[in-house]
Amino acid sequence: MAISKNYYNSIVKILLYDSTAAKINPDLAYLGRGSGFFVSDDGYIFTNRHVIDYCRGYCRYTTYNAEEKKEESNIDVYSPSLLLDPSLIKITYTGKAAIIVQLYTNSNGSSYNLYYAKVVVIDTANFDGAILKIVSDIKGNPVNEKFHPVPFGNSDSTEQGQDLCLYGFPAQLNGNFTLMLNDLSTLMFGKHSGFDYNINKQYGFIKTDATINSGNSGGPVFGPSNNVIGIATATFSKTNLGLVGGINDMYDLVRLIPDLASKLSKNGLISPQHKPDISTAMYFKPFFMPSANALKKINDVQVGNKVSKSIGISLGIMGEIPHGETHTIDPYVGTTPGGSLSTTTNGGHSYKIPTSGYGLSAEFSSPSVFKNQEKNMLTAFYRISYEERTMNWNAPNLYTAPLWKTTFQMNSSIKNNMVDMYLGISYSRVLGSGAILGLYYAVGLSTGGINEINIGTASSYGQTAPITYDARNVIFPQMVGFKLRYKAWFADVAYSFYTVKADYTLPYDYYQGLFYSDYFVTGQVKANPIYLTIGYTVFFYPKKH
């Protein structure tokens, strides 16, 4: 009872807040919290370093979880080593947290004051400690009031089995900054369970069976004489025991602030018996954070990192830009079976057959063969497309001399379904802002020449026969093109070209009650369609064994 009555205005709740992030999304402004306690009447506060780490600089970023095959959002202290993480996709935000200190002004928690604080000293490695200083009230006004420091004990004189009391603000609620202000202080009681020098070989820890929850970190731990003998720091996961940093271990941090060192030595703070030869305490310096331009370049590299190391599956809607397919008919002179009439085709002439189409495409691309060059990628791909083409044969006249009593009706809208398959190689370059430009070449196999195509009808004496053409060989088209990708969306422009021999079937004149359809004319088809495809790509990292 004496601890809460005497020191309710000595312990503080430490909240981390990013006002810049609040302007983007208020839900992202609150970053975390912990506990602390006043050690001087002019506003110095002890807490854990990990409580205020985001003040040095933090980032929000997205990574790819290869095992669960999904993207994950993360927040952590910024470090250049993050850029070496192969699962990193994008850094979405960087910033630095401000410290807001909540101090209750009565023991029942019905009123409180808010202050801004700064980090003065931290231990960067050996000890999880930090010293803060109140700089203003929440409105930015100077603070002239006197605060209430806690008394110090000697952490090296504590013994196993002694009673301990943890005083702090465990996070009982989840939510935004305003909701976090509602949590009241909590006393946790337990025993001194012994010492540990394995987790922290430099200073060691005091173990306790008192529960240290999230939000307790940085709060004071009182010994049997109601003096502070340590700082609640962490929980050892295997045993669920709490780990308490000795209050004496803050000595090297305090030495960097001479006026504070003088005060605290009078209040009982002494140097620890067990400590490293070299202190890692230092004046606080925030991390050097990447500028907006540097962050853009980093993300450009990570876009390439994701694409270059992943398998891409692209689905698109494609359209064939209207063009003319060129048919060249070879010269031919035919004679009817009775020999009474000769017929001449319009041989040697070329016909532009208007052609257009639309369809769907799917593409599978491999990871890049270039290693550690995320801005330059060389990949192989397989593409398959289905297209419904429309041809207009209404214009051509395939005969120079009309056949006896025979009329011809050419088709103006001929549908032809095609399936094309391509294997290709692509070189891509990351441009910036998530954009990638790729150039590629591919060779393929087309089913466009497999089926005989009816291009018109010959009529005589009430009888009809089809006018057809059929590609003589399998079509092997080639393709060159470029693809512009923005994040997962892409636009693709491809120029395809091929030449193939063809047979044209032209009916004879009606003779003795029959149409003779063995009048075959050879020719050549040359096509160079241009395709525009718009679609979406899903990336998968190959599973590593």
Protein backbone atom coordinates (compact mmCIF):
# COMPACT_ATOMS: atom_id res chain seq x y z
CA MET A 1 0.00 0.00 0.00
CA ALA A 2 2.84 2.39 0.89
CA ILE A 3 4.38 2.03 -2.59
CA SER A 4 1.27 3.07 -4.50
CA LYS A 5 0.42 5.81 -2.01
CA ASN A 6 3.91 7.29 -1.95
CA TYR A 7 5.01 6.82 -5.55
CA TYR A 8 1.90 7.07 -7.76
CA ASN A 9 3.31 10.41 -8.99
CA SER A 10 6.79 8.95 -9.51
CA ILE A 11 5.95 6.33 -12.12
CA VAL A 12 4.97 7.36 -15.63
CA LYS A 13 3.41 5.85 -18.72
CA ILE A 14 5.56 6.37 -21.81
CA LEU A 15 3.68 6.56 -25.13
CA LEU A 16 5.25 6.76 -28.57
CA TYR A 17 3.45 8.89 -31.12
CA ASP A 18 4.22 9.96 -34.71
CA SER A 19 2.38 13.17 -35.61
CA THR A 20 3.55 12.96 -39.24
CA ALA A 21 2.03 9.49 -39.62
CA ALA A 22 -1.15 10.80 -38.01
CA LYS A 23 -1.66 13.16 -40.95
CA ILE A 24 -1.53 10.18 -43.32
CA ASN A 25 -3.57 7.75 -41.25
CA PRO A 26 -4.54 8.46 -37.60
CA ASP A 27 -4.60 4.72 -36.88
CA LEU A 28 -0.86 4.54 -37.58
CA ALA A 29 0.15 7.37 -35.23
CA TYR A 30 0.29 5.38 -31.98
CA LEU A 31 3.36 3.13 -32.00
CA GLY A 32 3.68 1.57 -28.55
CA ARG A 33 4.11 2.15 -24.86
CA GLY A 34 6.02 1.26 -21.74
CA SER A 35 6.68 2.46 -18.22
CA GLY A 36 9.29 4.60 -16.51
CA PHE A 37 9.98 6.48 -13.29
CA PHE A 38 11.37 9.83 -12.18
CA VAL A 39 14.86 9.78 -10.70
CA SER A 40 15.24 13.55 -10.20
CA ASP A 41 12.95 16.45 -9.39
CA ASP A 42 13.92 18.27 -12.61
CA GLY A 43 12.40 15.62 -14.85
CA TYR A 44 14.93 12.87 -15.60
CA ILE A 45 13.32 9.45 -16.17
CA PHE A 46 14.74 5.92 -16.25
CA THR A 47 13.28 3.35 -18.65
CA ASN A 48 14.33 0.56 -21.02
CA ARG A 49 16.02 1.32 -24.31
CA HIS A 50 13.64 -0.98 -26.18
CA VAL A 51 10.69 1.11 -24.98
CA ILE A 52 11.94 4.17 -26.87
CA ASP A 53 13.76 2.50 -29.78
CA TYR A 54 11.32 3.95 -32.33
CA CYS A 55 12.58 7.40 -31.37
CA ARG A 56 15.84 6.54 -33.11
CA GLY A 57 13.93 5.81 -36.32
CA TYR A 58 11.50 3.15 -37.45
CA CYS A 59 9.93 1.89 -40.64
CA ARG A 60 6.88 0.09 -41.89
CA TYR A 61 7.59 -2.46 -44.60
CA THR A 62 6.19 -5.41 -46.47
CA THR A 63 7.84 -8.82 -46.74
CA TYR A 64 6.94 -12.06 -48.48
CA ASN A 65 6.45 -15.15 -46.31
CA ALA A 66 7.59 -17.97 -48.59
CA GLU A 67 6.31 -20.74 -46.30
CA GLU A 68 2.77 -19.34 -46.04
CA LYS A 69 2.94 -17.82 -49.53
CA LYS A 70 1.60 -14.41 -48.54
CA GLU A 71 2.74 -10.84 -48.03
CA GLU A 72 3.04 -9.54 -44.47
CA SER A 73 3.11 -6.02 -43.02
CA ASN A 74 5.80 -5.24 -40.44
CA ILE A 75 7.00 -2.41 -38.23
CA ASP A 76 10.46 -2.31 -36.66
CA VAL A 77 13.40 -0.14 -35.72
CA TYR A 78 15.06 1.02 -38.92
CA SER A 79 18.37 -0.57 -39.83
CA PRO A 80 20.29 -0.60 -43.12
CA SER A 81 20.54 -4.38 -42.67
CA LEU A 82 16.83 -4.52 -43.51
CA LEU A 83 17.78 -3.87 -47.13
CA LEU A 84 19.66 -7.19 -47.15
CA ASP A 85 16.54 -9.17 -46.25
CA PRO A 86 15.70 -11.22 -49.37
CA SER A 87 12.02 -11.30 -48.42
CA LEU A 88 11.72 -7.48 -48.37
CA ILE A 89 9.22 -6.18 -50.93
CA LYS A 90 8.76 -2.52 -50.04
CA ILE A 91 9.41 0.03 -47.31
CA THR A 92 6.11 1.86 -47.00
CA TYR A 93 6.99 4.48 -44.38
CA THR A 94 9.90 5.77 -42.31
CA GLY A 95 9.69 8.10 -39.34
CA LYS A 96 10.73 8.89 -35.79
CA ALA A 97 8.52 8.64 -32.74
CA ALA A 98 7.94 11.42 -30.24
CA ILE A 99 7.68 10.59 -26.52
CA ILE A 100 4.57 11.60 -24.60
CA VAL A 101 4.74 11.04 -20.84
CA GLN A 102 1.54 10.53 -18.86
CA LEU A 103 1.78 11.35 -15.14
CA TYR A 104 -1.18 10.76 -12.84
CA THR A 105 -1.77 13.56 -10.36
CA ASN A 106 -3.69 11.51 -7.77
CA SER A 107 -3.56 7.96 -6.46
CA ASN A 108 -6.94 6.88 -7.86
CA GLY A 109 -6.00 7.79 -11.46
CA SER A 110 -8.84 10.24 -12.06
CA SER A 111 -6.58 12.99 -13.41
CA TYR A 112 -3.27 13.24 -15.18
CA ASN A 113 -0.90 15.59 -17.00
CA LEU A 114 0.82 14.99 -20.34
CA TYR A 115 4.36 16.06 -21.22
CA TYR A 116 6.81 15.78 -24.07
CA ALA A 117 10.16 14.17 -23.29
CA LYS A 118 13.41 13.61 -25.16
CA VAL A 119 15.95 10.81 -25.04
CA VAL A 120 19.24 11.95 -23.52
CA VAL A 121 21.36 8.80 -23.05
CA ILE A 122 21.01 5.17 -24.07
CA ASP A 123 23.07 2.02 -23.73
CA THR A 124 23.45 0.71 -27.25
CA ALA A 125 24.44 -2.88 -26.49
CA ASN A 126 25.32 -4.13 -22.99
CA PHE A 127 22.33 -2.93 -21.02
CA ASP A 128 18.71 -2.27 -21.95
CA GLY A 129 18.54 1.17 -20.44
CA ALA A 130 17.71 4.76 -21.40
CA ILE A 131 17.43 8.14 -19.69
CA LEU A 132 14.73 10.62 -20.73
CA LYS A 133 14.15 14.26 -19.80
CA ILE A 134 10.88 16.20 -19.66
CA VAL A 135 11.10 19.16 -22.08
CA SER A 136 7.60 20.72 -22.10
CA ASP A 137 3.96 20.15 -21.38
CA ILE A 138 1.73 18.74 -24.11
CA LYS A 139 1.06 22.25 -25.43
CA GLY A 140 4.76 23.01 -25.76
CA ASN A 141 4.99 25.29 -22.71
CA PRO A 142 8.05 25.17 -20.41
CA VAL A 143 7.71 23.03 -17.27
CA ASN A 144 8.67 24.60 -13.94
CA GLU A 145 7.14 22.08 -11.53
CA LYS A 146 9.13 19.73 -9.36
CA PHE A 147 8.72 16.01 -9.89
CA HIS A 148 8.90 13.20 -7.35
CA PRO A 149 11.91 10.87 -7.71
CA VAL A 150 12.00 7.33 -6.32
CA PRO A 151 14.59 6.26 -3.71
CA PHE A 152 17.35 3.86 -4.81
CA GLY A 153 18.40 0.58 -3.31
CA ASN A 154 21.45 -1.56 -4.06
CA SER A 155 20.69 -4.22 -6.67
CA ASP A 156 23.90 -6.10 -5.86
CA SER A 157 22.81 -6.61 -2.25
CA THR A 158 19.49 -8.28 -3.14
CA GLU A 159 19.08 -11.95 -2.29
CA GLN A 160 17.15 -14.89 -3.63
CA GLY A 161 13.79 -15.29 -1.92
CA GLN A 162 13.23 -11.62 -1.12
CA ASP A 163 9.88 -10.01 -1.87
CA LEU A 164 9.71 -7.78 -4.94
CA CYS A 165 7.05 -5.40 -6.24
CA LEU A 166 6.74 -4.29 -9.86
CA TYR A 167 4.98 -0.99 -10.43
CA GLY A 168 3.97 0.02 -13.95
CA PHE A 169 1.38 0.20 -16.68
CA PRO A 170 0.82 -3.20 -18.33
CA ALA A 171 -1.15 -2.85 -21.56
CA GLN A 172 -4.62 -4.05 -20.63
CA LEU A 173 -6.25 -2.51 -23.71
CA ASN A 174 -5.59 -2.60 -27.44
CA GLY A 175 -6.34 0.42 -29.53
CA ASN A 176 -5.33 3.93 -30.44
CA PHE A 177 -3.49 6.61 -28.51
CA THR A 178 -6.61 7.95 -26.77
CA LEU A 179 -7.58 4.48 -25.53
CA MET A 180 -4.07 3.87 -24.21
CA LEU A 181 -4.45 6.83 -21.86
CA ASN A 182 -7.14 4.93 -19.96
CA ASP A 183 -4.94 2.14 -18.57
CA LEU A 184 -4.20 2.65 -14.86
CA SER A 185 -1.15 1.56 -12.92
CA THR A 186 -0.77 -1.99 -11.65
CA LEU A 187 1.24 -3.53 -8.82
CA MET A 188 2.67 -7.02 -9.44
CA PHE A 189 4.17 -8.99 -6.55
CA GLY A 190 6.66 -11.83 -6.65
CA LYS A 191 9.86 -13.28 -5.31
CA HIS A 192 13.50 -12.70 -6.13
CA SER A 193 14.03 -16.02 -7.92
CA GLY A 194 17.79 -15.75 -8.40
CA PHE A 195 20.31 -14.31 -10.84
CA ASP A 196 20.97 -15.02 -14.51
CA TYR A 197 24.25 -14.31 -16.33
CA ASN A 198 23.55 -16.21 -19.54
CA ILE A 199 21.11 -13.90 -21.31
CA ASN A 200 23.15 -10.82 -20.40
CA LYS A 201 26.72 -11.84 -19.66
CA GLN A 202 27.87 -8.24 -19.13
CA TYR A 203 25.52 -7.22 -16.31
CA GLY A 204 23.22 -10.15 -15.67
CA PHE A 205 19.55 -10.10 -14.62
CA ILE A 206 17.57 -10.58 -11.45
CA LYS A 207 14.92 -13.25 -12.02
CA THR A 208 11.44 -12.99 -10.56
CA ASP A 209 8.22 -14.98 -10.69
CA ALA A 210 6.28 -11.69 -10.83
CA THR A 211 4.67 -11.34 -14.25
CA ILE A 212 6.17 -8.75 -16.59
CA ASN A 213 3.58 -7.98 -19.24
CA SER A 214 3.74 -5.78 -22.32
CA GLY A 215 3.74 -2.19 -21.08
CA ASN A 216 5.52 -3.06 -17.79
CA SER A 217 8.91 -2.67 -19.44
CA GLY A 218 10.87 0.25 -18.00
CA GLY A 219 8.91 0.37 -14.76
CA PRO A 220 10.54 0.31 -11.29
CA VAL A 221 11.01 -2.85 -9.23
CA PHE A 222 10.90 -2.21 -5.49
CA GLY A 223 12.80 -4.33 -2.97
CA PRO A 224 11.93 -5.22 0.65
CA SER A 225 12.75 -1.72 1.91
CA ASN A 226 10.52 -0.08 -0.73
CA ASN A 227 13.57 1.23 -2.58
CA VAL A 228 13.97 0.70 -6.32
CA ILE A 229 16.46 -2.10 -6.97
CA GLY A 230 15.80 -2.68 -10.67
CA ILE A 231 13.96 -2.04 -13.93
CA ALA A 232 11.36 -4.49 -15.27
CA THR A 233 12.80 -5.52 -18.64
CA ALA A 234 11.51 -8.75 -20.19
CA THR A 235 10.09 -12.23 -19.69
CA PHE A 236 12.17 -15.37 -20.29
CA SER A 237 9.94 -17.41 -22.60
CA LYS A 238 11.12 -20.91 -21.57
CA THR A 239 10.49 -20.47 -17.84
CA ASN A 240 8.03 -17.54 -17.95
CA LEU A 241 10.20 -15.83 -15.34
CA GLY A 242 10.54 -12.07 -15.38
CA LEU A 243 13.94 -10.49 -15.99
CA VAL A 244 14.89 -7.38 -14.02
CA GLY A 245 17.87 -5.19 -14.87
CA GLY A 246 19.67 -4.05 -11.72
CA ILE A 247 19.34 -0.37 -10.89
CA ASN A 248 23.12 -0.18 -10.35
CA ASP A 249 23.55 -1.05 -14.03
CA MET A 250 22.30 2.42 -14.97
CA TYR A 251 25.45 3.89 -13.42
CA ASP A 252 27.45 4.17 -16.65
CA LEU A 253 24.55 5.92 -18.39
CA VAL A 254 24.17 8.44 -15.57
CA ARG A 255 27.90 9.28 -15.65
CA LEU A 256 27.36 10.96 -19.05
CA ILE A 257 25.10 13.57 -17.35
CA PRO A 258 27.31 15.13 -14.64
CA ASP A 259 24.63 17.13 -12.81
CA LEU A 260 22.35 14.06 -12.68
CA ALA A 261 25.22 11.82 -11.58
CA SER A 262 25.88 14.09 -8.63
CA LYS A 263 22.23 14.01 -7.53
CA LEU A 264 21.79 10.26 -7.91
CA SER A 265 24.98 9.35 -6.10
CA LYS A 266 23.55 11.20 -3.11
CA ASN A 267 20.31 9.26 -3.59
CA GLY A 268 22.07 5.90 -3.37
CA LEU A 269 23.04 4.96 -6.97
CA ILE A 270 26.36 3.09 -7.05
CA SER A 271 28.46 1.31 -9.67
CA PRO A 272 27.57 -2.38 -10.22
CA GLN A 273 29.91 -5.13 -9.07
CA HIS A 274 29.45 -7.11 -12.31
CA LYS A 275 29.96 -5.03 -15.46
CA PRO A 276 31.90 -5.10 -18.75
CA ASP A 277 35.32 -3.53 -19.21
CA ILE A 278 34.01 -1.14 -21.88
CA SER A 279 30.80 0.80 -21.46
CA THR A 280 28.41 1.06 -24.41
CA ALA A 281 26.46 3.97 -22.96
CA MET A 282 26.31 7.01 -25.25
CA TYR A 283 24.47 10.24 -25.85
CA PHE A 284 21.36 9.66 -27.86
CA LYS A 285 21.60 10.11 -31.61
CA PRO A 286 18.75 9.27 -33.95
CA PHE A 287 19.46 7.05 -36.92
CA PHE A 288 20.25 8.59 -40.27
CA MET A 289 17.03 7.87 -42.14
CA PRO A 290 16.80 7.59 -45.93
CA SER A 291 15.44 10.66 -47.71
CA ALA A 292 12.30 10.47 -49.83
CA ASN A 293 14.45 10.18 -52.94
CA ALA A 294 16.63 7.47 -51.39
CA LEU A 295 13.55 5.60 -50.20
CA LYS A 296 12.18 5.72 -53.73
CA LYS A 297 15.41 4.20 -55.05
CA ILE A 298 15.34 1.54 -52.33
CA ASN A 299 11.80 0.56 -53.25
CA ASP A 300 12.70 0.53 -56.93
CA VAL A 301 15.38 -2.02 -56.12
CA GLN A 302 12.95 -4.05 -54.01
CA VAL A 303 10.44 -4.12 -56.86
CA GLY A 304 13.17 -5.67 -58.95
CA ASN A 305 14.11 -7.91 -56.03
CA LYS A 306 10.60 -9.33 -55.91
CA VAL A 307 10.23 -9.74 -59.65
CA SER A 308 13.73 -11.09 -60.26
CA LYS A 309 13.45 -13.82 -57.62
CA SER A 310 9.89 -14.90 -58.30
CA ILE A 311 7.83 -16.86 -60.76
CA GLY A 312 5.29 -14.64 -62.48
CA ILE A 313 1.88 -15.72 -63.75
CA SER A 314 0.31 -13.07 -65.97
CA LEU A 315 -3.24 -13.05 -67.25
CA GLY A 316 -4.35 -10.55 -69.86
CA ILE A 317 -7.01 -9.44 -72.30
CA MET A 318 -5.56 -8.92 -75.75
CA GLY A 319 -6.68 -7.28 -78.94
CA GLU A 320 -5.29 -7.56 -82.45
CA ILE A 321 -4.99 -4.14 -84.01
CA PRO A 322 -6.84 -4.21 -87.38
CA HIS A 323 -4.44 -4.78 -90.26
CA GLY A 324 -4.23 -6.45 -93.66
CA GLU A 325 -3.14 -10.07 -94.01
CA THR A 326 -1.46 -10.44 -97.41
CA HIS A 327 -2.46 -13.37 -99.67
CA THR A 328 -0.47 -13.82 -102.89
CA ILE A 329 -2.10 -16.20 -105.46
CA ASP A 330 0.17 -18.10 -107.84
CA PRO A 331 -0.63 -18.01 -111.61
CA TYR A 332 -2.80 -20.86 -112.82
CA VAL A 333 -4.79 -21.75 -115.96
CA GLY A 334 -7.39 -24.45 -115.66
CA THR A 335 -9.53 -26.28 -118.25
CA THR A 336 -12.89 -27.82 -117.63
CA PRO A 337 -13.10 -31.61 -117.90
CA GLY A 338 -14.77 -31.32 -121.31
CA GLY A 339 -11.99 -29.06 -122.46
CA SER A 340 -14.48 -26.53 -123.75
CA LEU A 341 -13.49 -23.64 -121.47
CA SER A 342 -10.27 -22.33 -120.02
CA THR A 343 -10.22 -20.42 -116.72
CA THR A 344 -7.49 -18.12 -115.46
CA THR A 345 -6.93 -17.12 -111.85
CA ASN A 346 -5.75 -13.68 -110.97
CA GLY A 347 -2.32 -15.16 -110.39
CA GLY A 348 0.65 -13.17 -109.17
CA HIS A 349 -1.56 -10.62 -107.49
CA SER A 350 -1.60 -9.91 -103.75
CA TYR A 351 -4.73 -9.28 -101.73
CA LYS A 352 -4.91 -7.39 -98.46
CA ILE A 353 -7.47 -9.19 -96.34
CA PRO A 354 -8.67 -6.97 -93.46
CA THR A 355 -8.17 -8.85 -90.20
CA SER A 356 -8.85 -8.10 -86.53
CA GLY A 357 -9.30 -10.13 -83.35
CA TYR A 358 -9.45 -10.34 -79.59
CA GLY A 359 -8.77 -12.97 -76.98
CA LEU A 360 -7.04 -14.00 -73.75
CA SER A 361 -3.43 -14.69 -72.91
CA ALA A 362 -1.55 -16.38 -70.08
CA GLU A 363 2.18 -16.15 -69.46
CA PHE A 364 4.55 -17.94 -67.08
CA SER A 365 7.91 -16.25 -66.45
CA SER A 366 10.94 -17.66 -64.65
CA PRO A 367 13.13 -16.01 -62.00
CA SER A 368 15.94 -13.90 -63.43
CA VAL A 369 19.18 -15.63 -64.39
CA PHE A 370 21.04 -12.50 -63.21
CA LYS A 371 22.01 -12.84 -59.55
CA ASN A 372 22.17 -9.82 -57.24
CA GLN A 373 21.18 -7.43 -60.04
CA GLU A 374 17.67 -6.49 -59.03
CA LYS A 375 17.44 -3.61 -61.54
CA ASN A 376 18.43 -5.77 -64.54
CA MET A 377 16.58 -9.00 -65.22
CA LEU A 378 16.88 -11.71 -67.84
CA THR A 379 14.02 -14.18 -67.77
CA ALA A 380 12.54 -16.94 -69.88
CA PHE A 381 8.81 -17.12 -70.46
CA TYR A 382 6.11 -19.31 -71.94
CA ARG A 383 3.01 -17.64 -73.37
CA ILE A 384 -0.22 -19.17 -74.61
CA SER A 385 -3.05 -17.20 -76.16
CA TYR A 386 -6.51 -17.86 -77.51
CA GLU A 387 -7.82 -15.50 -80.19
CA GLU A 388 -10.97 -15.21 -82.24
CA ARG A 389 -10.02 -13.54 -85.53
CA THR A 390 -12.35 -11.94 -88.04
CA MET A 391 -11.40 -11.82 -91.76
CA ASN A 392 -13.12 -9.97 -94.61
CA TRP A 393 -12.78 -11.64 -98.06
CA ASN A 394 -15.47 -9.56 -99.68
CA ALA A 395 -13.11 -7.50 -101.84
CA PRO A 396 -10.85 -9.97 -103.68
CA ASN A 397 -11.72 -11.32 -107.12
CA LEU A 398 -9.77 -14.53 -107.55
CA TYR A 399 -10.61 -14.93 -111.26
CA THR A 400 -9.68 -12.82 -114.25
CA ALA A 401 -12.24 -14.65 -116.44
CA PRO A 402 -15.63 -15.55 -114.98
CA LEU A 403 -16.62 -19.16 -115.34
CA TRP A 404 -19.60 -20.15 -117.43
CA LYS A 405 -22.88 -19.43 -115.67
CA THR A 406 -21.12 -19.42 -112.28
CA THR A 407 -21.43 -16.68 -109.67
CA PHE A 408 -19.23 -16.08 -106.65
CA GLN A 409 -20.08 -14.72 -103.22
CA MET A 410 -17.10 -13.99 -100.97
CA ASN A 411 -17.60 -13.94 -97.19
CA SER A 412 -17.28 -10.59 -95.46
CA SER A 413 -17.01 -11.84 -91.87
CA ILE A 414 -15.14 -15.08 -91.34
CA LYS A 415 -14.43 -16.27 -87.79
CA ASN A 416 -11.30 -18.25 -87.17
CA ASN A 417 -10.22 -19.47 -83.71
CA MET A 418 -6.50 -19.64 -83.08
CA VAL A 419 -4.33 -20.94 -80.23
CA ASP A 420 -0.74 -19.66 -80.25
CA MET A 421 2.09 -20.87 -78.02
CA TYR A 422 5.40 -19.04 -77.59
CA LEU A 423 8.73 -19.59 -75.87
CA GLY A 424 10.78 -16.49 -75.37
CA ILE A 425 13.43 -14.55 -73.52
CA SER A 426 12.99 -11.12 -71.96
CA TYR A 427 15.34 -8.41 -70.69
CA SER A 428 13.80 -6.00 -68.16
CA ARG A 429 14.99 -2.88 -66.38
CA VAL A 430 13.54 -1.26 -63.25
CA LEU A 431 12.69 2.35 -64.10
CA GLY A 432 11.40 3.64 -60.78
CA SER A 433 8.22 4.02 -58.71
CA GLY A 434 7.39 0.38 -59.24
CA ALA A 435 7.66 0.56 -63.04
CA ILE A 436 9.57 -2.02 -65.09
CA LEU A 437 10.17 -1.94 -68.84
CA GLY A 438 10.93 -5.19 -70.63
CA LEU A 439 11.91 -6.09 -74.20
CA TYR A 440 11.49 -9.63 -75.49
CA TYR A 441 11.75 -12.02 -78.43
CA ALA A 442 9.82 -15.29 -78.84
CA VAL A 443 9.17 -18.06 -81.35
CA GLY A 444 5.93 -19.94 -81.43
CA LEU A 445 3.57 -22.52 -82.84
CA SER A 446 0.14 -21.52 -84.14
CA THR A 447 -2.96 -23.60 -84.84
CA GLY A 448 -4.19 -20.94 -87.27
CA GLY A 449 -3.25 -23.05 -90.32
CA ILE A 450 -4.68 -26.37 -89.14
CA ASN A 451 -8.26 -25.88 -90.23
CA GLU A 452 -9.52 -25.25 -93.75
CA ILE A 453 -11.20 -21.84 -93.92
CA ASN A 454 -14.26 -21.22 -96.06
CA ILE A 455 -13.79 -17.82 -97.68
CA GLY A 456 -16.69 -17.85 -100.17
CA THR A 457 -19.24 -19.80 -102.22
CA ALA A 458 -19.52 -20.63 -105.95
CA SER A 459 -23.06 -21.13 -107.36
CA SER A 460 -24.22 -22.58 -110.70
CA TYR A 461 -27.50 -24.17 -111.76
CA GLY A 462 -28.69 -24.29 -108.17
CA GLN A 463 -25.57 -26.10 -107.01
CA THR A 464 -22.99 -24.62 -104.63
CA ALA A 465 -19.42 -25.39 -103.67
CA PRO A 466 -17.08 -23.70 -101.15
CA ILE A 467 -14.13 -21.53 -101.99
CA THR A 468 -11.48 -22.30 -99.36
CA TYR A 469 -7.91 -21.78 -98.38
CA ASP A 470 -5.74 -23.86 -96.10
CA ALA A 471 -2.20 -23.26 -94.85
CA ARG A 472 -0.02 -25.97 -96.25
CA ASN A 473 2.35 -26.18 -93.26
CA VAL A 474 2.29 -25.58 -89.53
CA ILE A 475 2.71 -21.88 -88.78
CA PHE A 476 5.79 -20.87 -86.76
CA PRO A 477 5.31 -17.19 -85.92
CA GLN A 478 7.99 -15.00 -84.37
CA MET A 479 7.32 -12.14 -82.00
CA VAL A 480 9.14 -9.09 -80.67
CA GLY A 481 7.62 -6.69 -78.19
CA PHE A 482 7.89 -4.65 -75.05
CA LYS A 483 6.07 -4.81 -71.75
CA LEU A 484 5.56 -1.93 -69.32
CA ARG A 485 4.76 -3.10 -65.81
CA TYR A 486 3.54 -0.94 -62.95
CA LYS A 487 3.47 -2.95 -59.74
CA ALA A 488 1.31 -5.96 -60.69
CA TRP A 489 -0.42 -4.38 -63.71
CA PHE A 490 1.10 -4.48 -67.16
CA ALA A 491 0.59 -3.34 -70.75
CA ASP A 492 2.18 -5.35 -73.56
CA VAL A 493 2.67 -4.43 -77.23
CA ALA A 494 3.83 -7.27 -79.51
CA TYR A 495 4.66 -7.40 -83.21
CA SER A 496 4.22 -10.89 -84.66
CA PHE A 497 5.26 -11.98 -88.14
CA TYR A 498 5.18 -15.16 -90.23
CA THR A 499 5.00 -16.42 -93.83
CA VAL A 500 3.38 -19.72 -94.83
CA LYS A 501 2.44 -21.52 -98.05
CA ALA A 502 -1.28 -22.00 -98.68
CA ASP A 503 -3.65 -23.92 -101.00
CA TYR A 504 -6.75 -22.26 -102.43
CA THR A 505 -9.64 -24.43 -103.63
CA LEU A 506 -11.58 -22.80 -106.52
CA PRO A 507 -14.56 -24.74 -107.92
CA TYR A 508 -14.80 -25.49 -111.63
CA ASP A 509 -17.80 -24.44 -113.65
CA TYR A 510 -20.84 -26.66 -113.24
CA TYR A 511 -20.45 -29.43 -115.83
CA GLN A 512 -22.66 -32.44 -116.43
CA GLY A 513 -24.49 -31.97 -113.15
CA LEU A 514 -21.35 -31.73 -110.99
CA PHE A 515 -19.05 -29.12 -109.50
CA TYR A 516 -15.46 -30.12 -109.89
CA SER A 517 -13.51 -28.99 -106.80
CA ASP A 518 -10.06 -30.27 -107.71
CA TYR A 519 -9.00 -26.90 -109.04
CA PHE A 520 -6.21 -26.16 -106.51
CA VAL A 521 -4.21 -22.97 -106.65
CA THR A 522 -1.12 -22.43 -104.57
CA GLY A 523 -0.15 -19.22 -102.86
CA GLN A 524 1.50 -17.58 -99.89
CA VAL A 525 0.20 -15.88 -96.75
CA LYS A 526 2.20 -13.17 -95.02
CA ALA A 527 0.94 -11.71 -91.76
CA ASN A 528 2.34 -9.18 -89.32
CA PRO A 529 -0.32 -8.52 -86.66
CA ILE A 530 0.24 -6.19 -83.71
CA TYR A 531 -1.25 -7.22 -80.37
CA LEU A 532 -2.05 -5.03 -77.39
CA THR A 533 -2.50 -6.85 -74.08
CA ILE A 534 -3.47 -5.44 -70.69
CA GLY A 535 -3.42 -7.61 -67.61
CA TYR A 536 -2.33 -8.48 -64.08
CA THR A 537 0.58 -10.50 -62.71
CA VAL A 538 0.76 -12.62 -59.56
CA PHE A 539 4.27 -13.38 -58.25
CA PHE A 540 5.30 -16.53 -56.41
CA TYR A 541 8.68 -17.13 -54.82
CA PRO A 542 9.94 -20.61 -55.70
CA LYS A 543 9.97 -22.85 -52.67
CA LYS A 544 13.47 -23.57 -51.40
CA HIS A 545 14.34 -27.07 -50.26
